[in-house]
Structures are given as C-alpha cells and as structure tokens.
Amino acid sequence: METLGIFKDVETATRAVDRLVKAGFPEETITSLTSASYPDGVIVKTDQRTWFHWMSAAGGVFGACAGFLLAVGTAYVYPVQTGDKPIIAYFPAGIVTYELGMLFAILGAIVGMFLEMKLPPRKERPYDPAIGDGAIGISVSVPPGGQTIRAESVLKEAGALSIMREENP
C-alpha cells in the first residue's frame, strides 16, 4: 500500500520526509515524485547504486570485441591476397571495431537509462496531476493497517495539500 502526499515546495516536502523518518518509517520506503530533477539527498536520501555507466561500458566492450572479431574473422575465413599486403589489415579492422563499439555503447546507455527510470513500470503507483504543475509528491510504501493511517497523519501534519492512498495487489 502506498500513501502519496502532495506538497507545494521543497521545504515542506523535506520537512515531511524528516518527520516520516523520525516517526519510524525506513528511508528505503520513502520516494519523491517531482516534475523537476533534484540531486540525490535534497528531498529523499537514497543510497541506490546506479548501473547506467556500467551498462554503457559493457556495451562498448562487447561491441568492440564483436567488431574486431567480425573484421578479423571475415578476413581469416575468406582470405583474399592482394599484392604484397597482409590478409588481415588492422587499420580497417580498427575502424569496424570502433564503430561497433560506439554502437553498442549507445545501445547499452539506452538500456541503462530505461532501467534507471524503471520503465516500463512494474506496478501502478499513485500520481496526482499537480506534480506536473510543480508540486512535489512524497510517497510512502507501508504494509496495510495502522501504518497507513499513521503515515497519512504525519504527512498531514507536515503540511500536505492533499493525500491519496493506493492499494497494491
């Protein structure tokens, strides 16, 4: 079950997060929804590791290896002797290696971007259109029962403009 509180500015949203943490809600269960990006720790402090740069680097290394094997492997499997030149030419193979390395690095970055944004969403989350107009949403995931009522009261005391609750199956 998620409880979403809508706040008008950053100060009241951070006050609500501080009060939720003091009330005993773990920081891992608190998230913020904003239309503007704020650095980590401004509203909610998370220690979430990012895999974005690793996905891009892994894609680049895989693409470079695939490009090198494609260029050199093709020359090895289909040898064409032209004059006194070597069968495997490393400069043209370097161009193919670079191009496929960049292609797969970009594809890895795109996959990493979608993973970071958690797209496609795995479950429905509460949302208020006021967030798109500049309001800040603070969401708390709690087990059903008394914790939900307590989360709503803490959000209301912190200055929430509105509160909505959504049941997760």
N, C-alpha and C. Protein backbone atom coordinates (compact mmCIF):
# COMPACT_ATOMS: atom_id res chain seq x y z
N MET A 1 0.85 -1.16 0.00
CA MET A 1 0.00 0.00 0.00
C MET A 1 0.90 1.23 0.00
N GLU A 2 0.55 2.19 -0.85
CA GLU A 2 1.32 3.42 -0.93
C GLU A 2 0.45 4.61 -0.57
N THR A 3 1.05 5.53 0.16
CA THR A 3 0.39 6.77 0.53
C THR A 3 1.18 7.91 -0.09
N LEU A 4 0.48 8.79 -0.81
CA LEU A 4 1.12 9.89 -1.50
C LEU A 4 0.62 11.21 -0.95
N GLY A 5 1.55 12.05 -0.52
CA GLY A 5 1.22 13.39 -0.06
C GLY A 5 1.75 14.42 -1.04
N ILE A 6 0.96 15.44 -1.33
CA ILE A 6 1.34 16.48 -2.28
C ILE A 6 1.73 17.74 -1.50
N PHE A 7 2.91 18.28 -1.82
CA PHE A 7 3.44 19.46 -1.12
C PHE A 7 3.72 20.56 -2.12
N LYS A 8 3.63 21.81 -1.67
CA LYS A 8 3.76 22.94 -2.59
C LYS A 8 5.20 23.32 -2.88
N ASP A 9 6.14 23.04 -1.97
CA ASP A 9 7.53 23.43 -2.20
C ASP A 9 8.49 22.41 -1.58
N VAL A 10 9.76 22.62 -1.84
CA VAL A 10 10.80 21.68 -1.40
C VAL A 10 10.93 21.68 0.12
N GLU A 11 10.81 22.83 0.75
CA GLU A 11 11.00 22.91 2.20
C GLU A 11 9.97 22.05 2.94
N THR A 12 8.71 22.17 2.57
CA THR A 12 7.69 21.37 3.26
C THR A 12 7.84 19.89 2.93
N ALA A 13 8.29 19.58 1.70
CA ALA A 13 8.49 18.17 1.33
C ALA A 13 9.64 17.57 2.15
N THR A 14 10.74 18.30 2.31
CA THR A 14 11.85 17.76 3.11
C THR A 14 11.47 17.67 4.58
N ARG A 15 10.65 18.61 5.05
CA ARG A 15 10.16 18.53 6.43
C ARG A 15 9.31 17.26 6.61
N ALA A 16 8.50 16.94 5.62
CA ALA A 16 7.67 15.74 5.69
C ALA A 16 8.53 14.48 5.70
N VAL A 17 9.57 14.45 4.89
CA VAL A 17 10.46 13.29 4.87
C VAL A 17 11.15 13.13 6.22
N ASP A 18 11.63 14.23 6.79
CA ASP A 18 12.28 14.17 8.11
C ASP A 18 11.32 13.66 9.17
N ARG A 19 10.08 14.12 9.13
CA ARG A 19 9.10 13.67 10.12
C ARG A 19 8.74 12.20 9.93
N LEU A 20 8.69 11.75 8.68
CA LEU A 20 8.41 10.33 8.44
C LEU A 20 9.54 9.46 8.98
N VAL A 21 10.78 9.89 8.77
CA VAL A 21 11.92 9.12 9.27
C VAL A 21 11.91 9.11 10.80
N LYS A 22 11.61 10.26 11.43
CA LYS A 22 11.54 10.31 12.90
C LYS A 22 10.39 9.48 13.44
N ALA A 23 9.33 9.31 12.62
CA ALA A 23 8.19 8.51 13.06
C ALA A 23 8.45 7.02 12.92
N GLY A 24 9.59 6.64 12.34
CA GLY A 24 9.95 5.23 12.28
C GLY A 24 9.80 4.58 10.92
N PHE A 25 9.51 5.35 9.88
CA PHE A 25 9.41 4.78 8.54
C PHE A 25 10.81 4.71 7.94
N PRO A 26 11.21 3.55 7.42
CA PRO A 26 12.55 3.44 6.83
C PRO A 26 12.68 4.32 5.59
N GLU A 27 13.88 4.87 5.39
CA GLU A 27 14.10 5.76 4.25
C GLU A 27 13.96 5.04 2.92
N GLU A 28 14.15 3.72 2.91
CA GLU A 28 14.02 2.97 1.66
C GLU A 28 12.58 2.94 1.16
N THR A 29 11.62 3.18 2.06
CA THR A 29 10.21 3.13 1.67
C THR A 29 9.68 4.49 1.24
N ILE A 30 10.50 5.53 1.32
CA ILE A 30 10.06 6.89 1.00
C ILE A 30 10.68 7.30 -0.33
N THR A 31 9.84 7.77 -1.25
CA THR A 31 10.32 8.26 -2.54
C THR A 31 9.68 9.62 -2.83
N SER A 32 10.30 10.35 -3.73
CA SER A 32 9.76 11.66 -4.12
C SER A 32 9.40 11.64 -5.60
N LEU A 33 8.34 12.35 -5.94
CA LEU A 33 7.90 12.50 -7.32
C LEU A 33 7.88 13.99 -7.63
N THR A 34 8.67 14.41 -8.60
CA THR A 34 8.76 15.83 -8.95
C THR A 34 8.77 15.99 -10.46
N SER A 35 8.41 17.17 -10.91
CA SER A 35 8.50 17.46 -12.34
C SER A 35 9.87 18.03 -12.69
N ALA A 36 10.61 18.47 -11.70
CA ALA A 36 11.98 18.96 -11.89
C ALA A 36 12.94 18.00 -11.19
N SER A 37 14.12 17.84 -11.77
CA SER A 37 15.07 16.92 -11.15
C SER A 37 15.83 17.63 -10.04
N TYR A 38 15.93 16.97 -8.91
CA TYR A 38 16.71 17.46 -7.78
C TYR A 38 17.83 16.47 -7.51
N PRO A 39 19.00 16.93 -7.10
CA PRO A 39 20.09 16.00 -6.80
C PRO A 39 19.71 15.06 -5.66
N ASP A 40 20.37 13.92 -5.63
CA ASP A 40 20.11 12.93 -4.59
C ASP A 40 20.43 13.54 -3.23
N GLY A 41 19.53 13.41 -2.31
CA GLY A 41 19.72 13.90 -0.95
C GLY A 41 19.03 15.22 -0.68
N VAL A 42 18.52 15.90 -1.69
CA VAL A 42 17.83 17.17 -1.45
C VAL A 42 16.49 16.91 -0.77
N ILE A 43 15.72 15.97 -1.30
CA ILE A 43 14.42 15.67 -0.72
C ILE A 43 14.48 14.34 0.03
N VAL A 44 14.84 13.29 -0.67
CA VAL A 44 14.94 11.95 -0.07
C VAL A 44 16.37 11.47 -0.24
N LYS A 45 16.94 10.99 0.84
CA LYS A 45 18.31 10.48 0.79
C LYS A 45 18.26 9.00 0.45
N THR A 46 18.85 8.64 -0.69
CA THR A 46 18.89 7.24 -1.10
C THR A 46 20.33 6.82 -1.32
N ASP A 47 20.60 5.57 -1.09
CA ASP A 47 21.91 5.00 -1.37
C ASP A 47 21.81 4.04 -2.54
N GLN A 48 20.94 4.37 -3.48
CA GLN A 48 20.72 3.49 -4.62
C GLN A 48 21.92 3.54 -5.54
N ARG A 49 22.42 2.36 -5.89
CA ARG A 49 23.54 2.27 -6.82
C ARG A 49 23.03 2.42 -8.23
N THR A 50 23.80 3.06 -9.05
CA THR A 50 23.43 3.23 -10.45
C THR A 50 24.24 2.28 -11.32
N TRP A 51 23.57 1.71 -12.29
CA TRP A 51 24.21 0.79 -13.21
C TRP A 51 24.33 1.40 -14.61
N PHE A 52 23.97 2.67 -14.73
CA PHE A 52 23.93 3.31 -16.03
C PHE A 52 25.28 3.29 -16.74
N HIS A 53 26.32 3.76 -16.07
CA HIS A 53 27.63 3.82 -16.71
C HIS A 53 28.23 2.43 -16.95
N TRP A 54 27.89 1.47 -16.11
CA TRP A 54 28.39 0.11 -16.31
C TRP A 54 27.73 -0.54 -17.52
N MET A 55 26.45 -0.26 -17.72
CA MET A 55 25.76 -0.81 -18.89
C MET A 55 26.37 -0.24 -20.17
N SER A 56 26.67 1.04 -20.18
CA SER A 56 27.27 1.66 -21.35
C SER A 56 28.67 1.11 -21.61
N ALA A 57 29.46 0.97 -20.56
CA ALA A 57 30.82 0.43 -20.72
C ALA A 57 30.79 -1.02 -21.18
N ALA A 58 29.90 -1.83 -20.62
CA ALA A 58 29.80 -3.23 -21.03
C ALA A 58 29.36 -3.33 -22.49
N GLY A 59 28.42 -2.48 -22.90
CA GLY A 59 28.01 -2.47 -24.30
C GLY A 59 29.15 -2.09 -25.22
N GLY A 60 29.96 -1.11 -24.81
CA GLY A 60 31.10 -0.69 -25.62
C GLY A 60 32.14 -1.77 -25.75
N VAL A 61 32.45 -2.45 -24.66
CA VAL A 61 33.45 -3.53 -24.71
C VAL A 61 32.94 -4.69 -25.55
N PHE A 62 31.67 -5.05 -25.37
CA PHE A 62 31.10 -6.13 -26.17
C PHE A 62 31.10 -5.76 -27.65
N GLY A 63 30.72 -4.53 -27.97
CA GLY A 63 30.70 -4.10 -29.36
C GLY A 63 32.08 -4.06 -29.98
N ALA A 64 33.08 -3.61 -29.21
CA ALA A 64 34.45 -3.57 -29.73
C ALA A 64 34.96 -4.98 -30.00
N CYS A 65 34.68 -5.90 -29.09
CA CYS A 65 35.10 -7.29 -29.32
C CYS A 65 34.38 -7.89 -30.52
N ALA A 66 33.09 -7.63 -30.64
CA ALA A 66 32.33 -8.14 -31.78
C ALA A 66 32.82 -7.54 -33.08
N GLY A 67 33.13 -6.24 -33.09
CA GLY A 67 33.63 -5.60 -34.30
C GLY A 67 34.99 -6.14 -34.72
N PHE A 68 35.87 -6.33 -33.75
CA PHE A 68 37.19 -6.88 -34.07
C PHE A 68 37.07 -8.29 -34.61
N LEU A 69 36.26 -9.11 -33.95
CA LEU A 69 36.08 -10.49 -34.41
C LEU A 69 35.41 -10.53 -35.79
N LEU A 70 34.48 -9.61 -36.04
CA LEU A 70 33.83 -9.56 -37.34
C LEU A 70 34.82 -9.22 -38.44
N ALA A 71 35.62 -8.18 -38.24
CA ALA A 71 36.55 -7.74 -39.28
C ALA A 71 37.69 -8.74 -39.48
N VAL A 72 38.30 -9.15 -38.39
CA VAL A 72 39.43 -10.07 -38.49
C VAL A 72 38.96 -11.46 -38.87
N GLY A 73 37.84 -11.89 -38.30
CA GLY A 73 37.31 -13.23 -38.61
C GLY A 73 36.90 -13.36 -40.07
N THR A 74 36.31 -12.31 -40.63
CA THR A 74 35.93 -12.34 -42.04
C THR A 74 37.16 -12.44 -42.92
N ALA A 75 38.19 -11.66 -42.61
CA ALA A 75 39.43 -11.73 -43.40
C ALA A 75 40.11 -13.08 -43.25
N TYR A 76 39.99 -13.70 -42.10
CA TYR A 76 40.62 -15.01 -41.87
C TYR A 76 39.86 -16.12 -42.58
N VAL A 77 38.53 -16.06 -42.54
CA VAL A 77 37.72 -17.11 -43.15
C VAL A 77 37.73 -17.00 -44.68
N TYR A 78 37.73 -15.78 -45.22
CA TYR A 78 37.74 -15.55 -46.66
C TYR A 78 39.01 -14.80 -47.04
N PRO A 79 40.15 -15.46 -47.05
CA PRO A 79 41.41 -14.76 -47.35
C PRO A 79 41.48 -14.34 -48.82
N VAL A 80 41.79 -13.08 -49.03
CA VAL A 80 41.98 -12.54 -50.36
C VAL A 80 43.36 -11.89 -50.39
N GLN A 81 44.27 -12.50 -51.12
CA GLN A 81 45.63 -11.98 -51.21
C GLN A 81 45.66 -10.91 -52.30
N THR A 82 45.98 -9.69 -51.89
CA THR A 82 46.08 -8.59 -52.86
C THR A 82 47.50 -8.05 -52.83
N GLY A 83 48.24 -8.42 -53.82
CA GLY A 83 49.63 -7.95 -53.92
C GLY A 83 50.46 -8.49 -52.78
N ASP A 84 51.23 -7.59 -52.17
CA ASP A 84 52.12 -7.99 -51.08
C ASP A 84 51.56 -7.55 -49.73
N LYS A 85 50.25 -7.27 -49.67
CA LYS A 85 49.63 -6.78 -48.44
C LYS A 85 49.22 -7.96 -47.56
N PRO A 86 49.16 -7.73 -46.23
CA PRO A 86 48.72 -8.83 -45.35
C PRO A 86 47.22 -9.10 -45.53
N ILE A 87 46.84 -10.32 -45.25
CA ILE A 87 45.43 -10.70 -45.40
C ILE A 87 44.59 -9.99 -44.36
N ILE A 88 45.06 -9.93 -43.12
CA ILE A 88 44.32 -9.25 -42.04
C ILE A 88 44.91 -7.85 -41.90
N ALA A 89 44.13 -6.84 -42.30
CA ALA A 89 44.56 -5.45 -42.20
C ALA A 89 43.99 -4.86 -40.91
N TYR A 90 44.87 -4.41 -40.03
CA TYR A 90 44.42 -3.97 -38.71
C TYR A 90 43.81 -2.57 -38.70
N PHE A 91 44.20 -1.69 -39.61
CA PHE A 91 43.61 -0.35 -39.61
C PHE A 91 42.13 -0.39 -40.02
N PRO A 92 41.77 -1.08 -41.09
CA PRO A 92 40.33 -1.20 -41.38
C PRO A 92 39.58 -1.97 -40.29
N ALA A 93 40.24 -2.95 -39.69
CA ALA A 93 39.60 -3.68 -38.59
C ALA A 93 39.39 -2.75 -37.40
N GLY A 94 40.32 -1.80 -37.20
CA GLY A 94 40.16 -0.83 -36.12
C GLY A 94 38.96 0.08 -36.32
N ILE A 95 38.68 0.42 -37.59
CA ILE A 95 37.51 1.26 -37.87
C ILE A 95 36.23 0.50 -37.55
N VAL A 96 36.14 -0.74 -37.96
CA VAL A 96 34.95 -1.55 -37.67
C VAL A 96 34.83 -1.78 -36.17
N THR A 97 35.95 -2.00 -35.51
CA THR A 97 35.95 -2.18 -34.05
C THR A 97 35.41 -0.94 -33.36
N TYR A 98 35.88 0.23 -33.78
CA TYR A 98 35.42 1.49 -33.18
C TYR A 98 33.93 1.71 -33.42
N GLU A 99 33.48 1.51 -34.64
CA GLU A 99 32.08 1.78 -34.98
C GLU A 99 31.14 0.85 -34.21
N LEU A 100 31.44 -0.42 -34.16
CA LEU A 100 30.57 -1.33 -33.41
C LEU A 100 30.68 -1.10 -31.91
N GLY A 101 31.86 -0.71 -31.43
CA GLY A 101 31.99 -0.36 -30.01
C GLY A 101 31.11 0.81 -29.63
N MET A 102 31.10 1.85 -30.46
CA MET A 102 30.25 3.02 -30.18
C MET A 102 28.77 2.67 -30.30
N LEU A 103 28.41 1.87 -31.30
CA LEU A 103 27.01 1.49 -31.47
C LEU A 103 26.50 0.74 -30.23
N PHE A 104 27.26 -0.22 -29.76
CA PHE A 104 26.81 -1.00 -28.60
C PHE A 104 26.93 -0.20 -27.31
N ALA A 105 27.85 0.77 -27.23
CA ALA A 105 27.90 1.64 -26.05
C ALA A 105 26.65 2.50 -25.98
N ILE A 106 26.18 3.00 -27.11
CA ILE A 106 24.95 3.80 -27.14
C ILE A 106 23.75 2.93 -26.79
N LEU A 107 23.70 1.73 -27.35
CA LEU A 107 22.59 0.83 -27.01
C LEU A 107 22.61 0.45 -25.53
N GLY A 108 23.80 0.24 -24.98
CA GLY A 108 23.91 -0.04 -23.54
C GLY A 108 23.46 1.14 -22.70
N ALA A 109 23.77 2.36 -23.15
CA ALA A 109 23.33 3.55 -22.43
C ALA A 109 21.81 3.68 -22.47
N ILE A 110 21.20 3.35 -23.59
CA ILE A 110 19.74 3.42 -23.70
C ILE A 110 19.09 2.38 -22.78
N VAL A 111 19.62 1.17 -22.77
CA VAL A 111 19.09 0.14 -21.86
C VAL A 111 19.28 0.56 -20.41
N GLY A 112 20.45 1.10 -20.08
CA GLY A 112 20.69 1.58 -18.72
C GLY A 112 19.77 2.71 -18.32
N MET A 113 19.45 3.59 -19.27
CA MET A 113 18.54 4.70 -19.00
C MET A 113 17.15 4.17 -18.65
N PHE A 114 16.66 3.20 -19.42
CA PHE A 114 15.34 2.65 -19.12
C PHE A 114 15.33 1.90 -17.80
N LEU A 115 16.43 1.23 -17.45
CA LEU A 115 16.50 0.55 -16.15
C LEU A 115 16.51 1.55 -15.01
N GLU A 116 17.24 2.67 -15.16
CA GLU A 116 17.29 3.70 -14.12
C GLU A 116 15.94 4.37 -13.91
N MET A 117 15.21 4.58 -15.00
CA MET A 117 13.90 5.23 -14.89
C MET A 117 12.80 4.24 -14.52
N LYS A 118 13.18 2.96 -14.38
CA LYS A 118 12.23 1.90 -14.04
C LYS A 118 11.08 1.85 -15.04
N LEU A 119 11.45 1.89 -16.31
CA LEU A 119 10.46 1.78 -17.39
C LEU A 119 10.63 0.44 -18.09
N PRO A 120 9.60 -0.23 -18.42
CA PRO A 120 8.20 0.04 -18.12
C PRO A 120 7.91 -0.21 -16.64
N PRO A 121 6.93 0.49 -16.09
CA PRO A 121 6.64 0.32 -14.66
C PRO A 121 6.13 -1.08 -14.35
N ARG A 122 6.55 -1.62 -13.22
CA ARG A 122 6.15 -2.96 -12.82
C ARG A 122 4.80 -2.98 -12.10
N LYS A 123 4.44 -1.86 -11.52
CA LYS A 123 3.17 -1.79 -10.79
C LYS A 123 2.62 -0.38 -10.87
N GLU A 124 1.35 -0.25 -10.63
CA GLU A 124 0.72 1.06 -10.62
C GLU A 124 1.14 1.81 -9.36
N ARG A 125 1.40 3.10 -9.52
CA ARG A 125 1.77 3.93 -8.38
C ARG A 125 0.81 5.10 -8.33
N PRO A 126 0.57 5.62 -7.15
CA PRO A 126 -0.31 6.79 -7.07
C PRO A 126 0.35 8.01 -7.72
N TYR A 127 -0.47 8.82 -8.35
CA TYR A 127 0.04 10.01 -9.03
C TYR A 127 -1.03 11.08 -8.99
N ASP A 128 -0.60 12.33 -8.87
CA ASP A 128 -1.50 13.47 -8.87
C ASP A 128 -1.05 14.42 -9.97
N PRO A 129 -1.96 14.91 -10.82
CA PRO A 129 -1.56 15.83 -11.88
C PRO A 129 -0.91 17.12 -11.38
N ALA A 130 -1.07 17.45 -10.12
CA ALA A 130 -0.42 18.65 -9.57
C ALA A 130 1.10 18.52 -9.58
N ILE A 131 1.61 17.30 -9.61
CA ILE A 131 3.07 17.09 -9.66
C ILE A 131 3.62 17.65 -10.97
N GLY A 132 2.89 17.50 -12.05
CA GLY A 132 3.32 18.05 -13.32
C GLY A 132 3.29 19.57 -13.36
N ASP A 133 2.53 20.18 -12.45
CA ASP A 133 2.44 21.64 -12.38
C ASP A 133 3.42 22.26 -11.39
N GLY A 134 4.34 21.45 -10.84
CA GLY A 134 5.37 21.99 -9.96
C GLY A 134 5.27 21.56 -8.51
N ALA A 135 4.20 20.85 -8.14
CA ALA A 135 4.10 20.35 -6.76
C ALA A 135 5.04 19.16 -6.59
N ILE A 136 5.30 18.81 -5.35
CA ILE A 136 6.20 17.70 -5.04
C ILE A 136 5.41 16.63 -4.31
N GLY A 137 5.54 15.40 -4.76
CA GLY A 137 4.87 14.27 -4.13
C GLY A 137 5.83 13.46 -3.29
N ILE A 138 5.41 13.11 -2.09
CA ILE A 138 6.19 12.23 -1.22
C ILE A 138 5.37 10.97 -1.04
N SER A 139 5.93 9.84 -1.46
CA SER A 139 5.24 8.56 -1.41
C SER A 139 5.88 7.67 -0.36
N VAL A 140 5.03 6.98 0.41
CA VAL A 140 5.50 6.07 1.45
C VAL A 140 4.87 4.71 1.21
N SER A 141 5.69 3.68 1.08
CA SER A 141 5.20 2.31 0.94
C SER A 141 5.14 1.68 2.33
N VAL A 142 3.93 1.31 2.73
CA VAL A 142 3.75 0.73 4.07
C VAL A 142 2.85 -0.49 3.96
N PRO A 143 2.98 -1.42 4.91
CA PRO A 143 2.04 -2.53 4.94
C PRO A 143 0.66 -2.02 5.35
N PRO A 144 -0.42 -2.67 4.89
CA PRO A 144 -1.76 -2.20 5.24
C PRO A 144 -2.00 -2.29 6.75
N GLY A 145 -2.83 -1.41 7.21
CA GLY A 145 -3.17 -1.41 8.63
C GLY A 145 -2.92 -0.06 9.26
N GLY A 146 -2.47 -0.08 10.50
CA GLY A 146 -2.26 1.14 11.27
C GLY A 146 -1.14 2.01 10.73
N GLN A 147 -0.17 1.40 10.02
CA GLN A 147 0.94 2.19 9.47
C GLN A 147 0.45 3.19 8.44
N THR A 148 -0.56 2.83 7.68
CA THR A 148 -1.08 3.73 6.65
C THR A 148 -1.71 4.96 7.28
N ILE A 149 -2.49 4.75 8.30
CA ILE A 149 -3.14 5.88 8.98
C ILE A 149 -2.09 6.78 9.63
N ARG A 150 -1.06 6.16 10.20
CA ARG A 150 0.00 6.94 10.83
C ARG A 150 0.79 7.74 9.79
N ALA A 151 1.05 7.13 8.62
CA ALA A 151 1.75 7.84 7.55
C ALA A 151 0.93 9.02 7.06
N GLU A 152 -0.38 8.83 6.92
CA GLU A 152 -1.25 9.92 6.49
C GLU A 152 -1.25 11.07 7.49
N SER A 153 -1.28 10.73 8.78
CA SER A 153 -1.29 11.79 9.79
C SER A 153 0.04 12.55 9.82
N VAL A 154 1.16 11.86 9.63
CA VAL A 154 2.46 12.53 9.61
C VAL A 154 2.55 13.45 8.40
N LEU A 155 2.08 12.98 7.24
CA LEU A 155 2.10 13.81 6.04
C LEU A 155 1.19 15.03 6.19
N LYS A 156 0.02 14.84 6.80
CA LYS A 156 -0.92 15.95 7.00
C LYS A 156 -0.33 16.98 7.96
N GLU A 157 0.33 16.52 9.04
CA GLU A 157 0.94 17.44 10.00
C GLU A 157 2.10 18.23 9.37
N ALA A 158 2.77 17.62 8.40
CA ALA A 158 3.92 18.28 7.76
C ALA A 158 3.47 19.33 6.74
N GLY A 159 2.20 19.38 6.42
CA GLY A 159 1.70 20.41 5.51
C GLY A 159 1.32 19.92 4.14
N ALA A 160 0.87 18.68 4.03
CA ALA A 160 0.46 18.15 2.73
C ALA A 160 -0.81 18.85 2.25
N LEU A 161 -0.83 19.23 0.98
CA LEU A 161 -2.02 19.84 0.40
C LEU A 161 -3.13 18.82 0.21
N SER A 162 -2.75 17.62 -0.23
CA SER A 162 -3.71 16.52 -0.38
C SER A 162 -2.98 15.20 -0.18
N ILE A 163 -3.76 14.18 0.16
CA ILE A 163 -3.19 12.86 0.41
C ILE A 163 -4.04 11.84 -0.35
N MET A 164 -3.38 10.92 -1.02
CA MET A 164 -4.11 9.85 -1.68
C MET A 164 -3.45 8.51 -1.33
N ARG A 165 -4.26 7.49 -1.33
CA ARG A 165 -3.82 6.15 -0.94
C ARG A 165 -4.15 5.19 -2.07
N GLU A 166 -3.24 4.26 -2.32
CA GLU A 166 -3.48 3.27 -3.36
C GLU A 166 -3.10 1.90 -2.86
N GLU A 167 -4.01 0.97 -3.07
CA GLU A 167 -3.80 -0.42 -2.67
C GLU A 167 -2.97 -1.11 -3.75
N ASN A 168 -1.94 -1.82 -3.36
CA ASN A 168 -1.14 -2.63 -4.30
C ASN A 168 -1.52 -4.08 -4.13
N PRO A 169 -1.83 -4.75 -5.24
CA PRO A 169 -2.22 -6.17 -5.11
C PRO A 169 -1.07 -7.04 -4.73
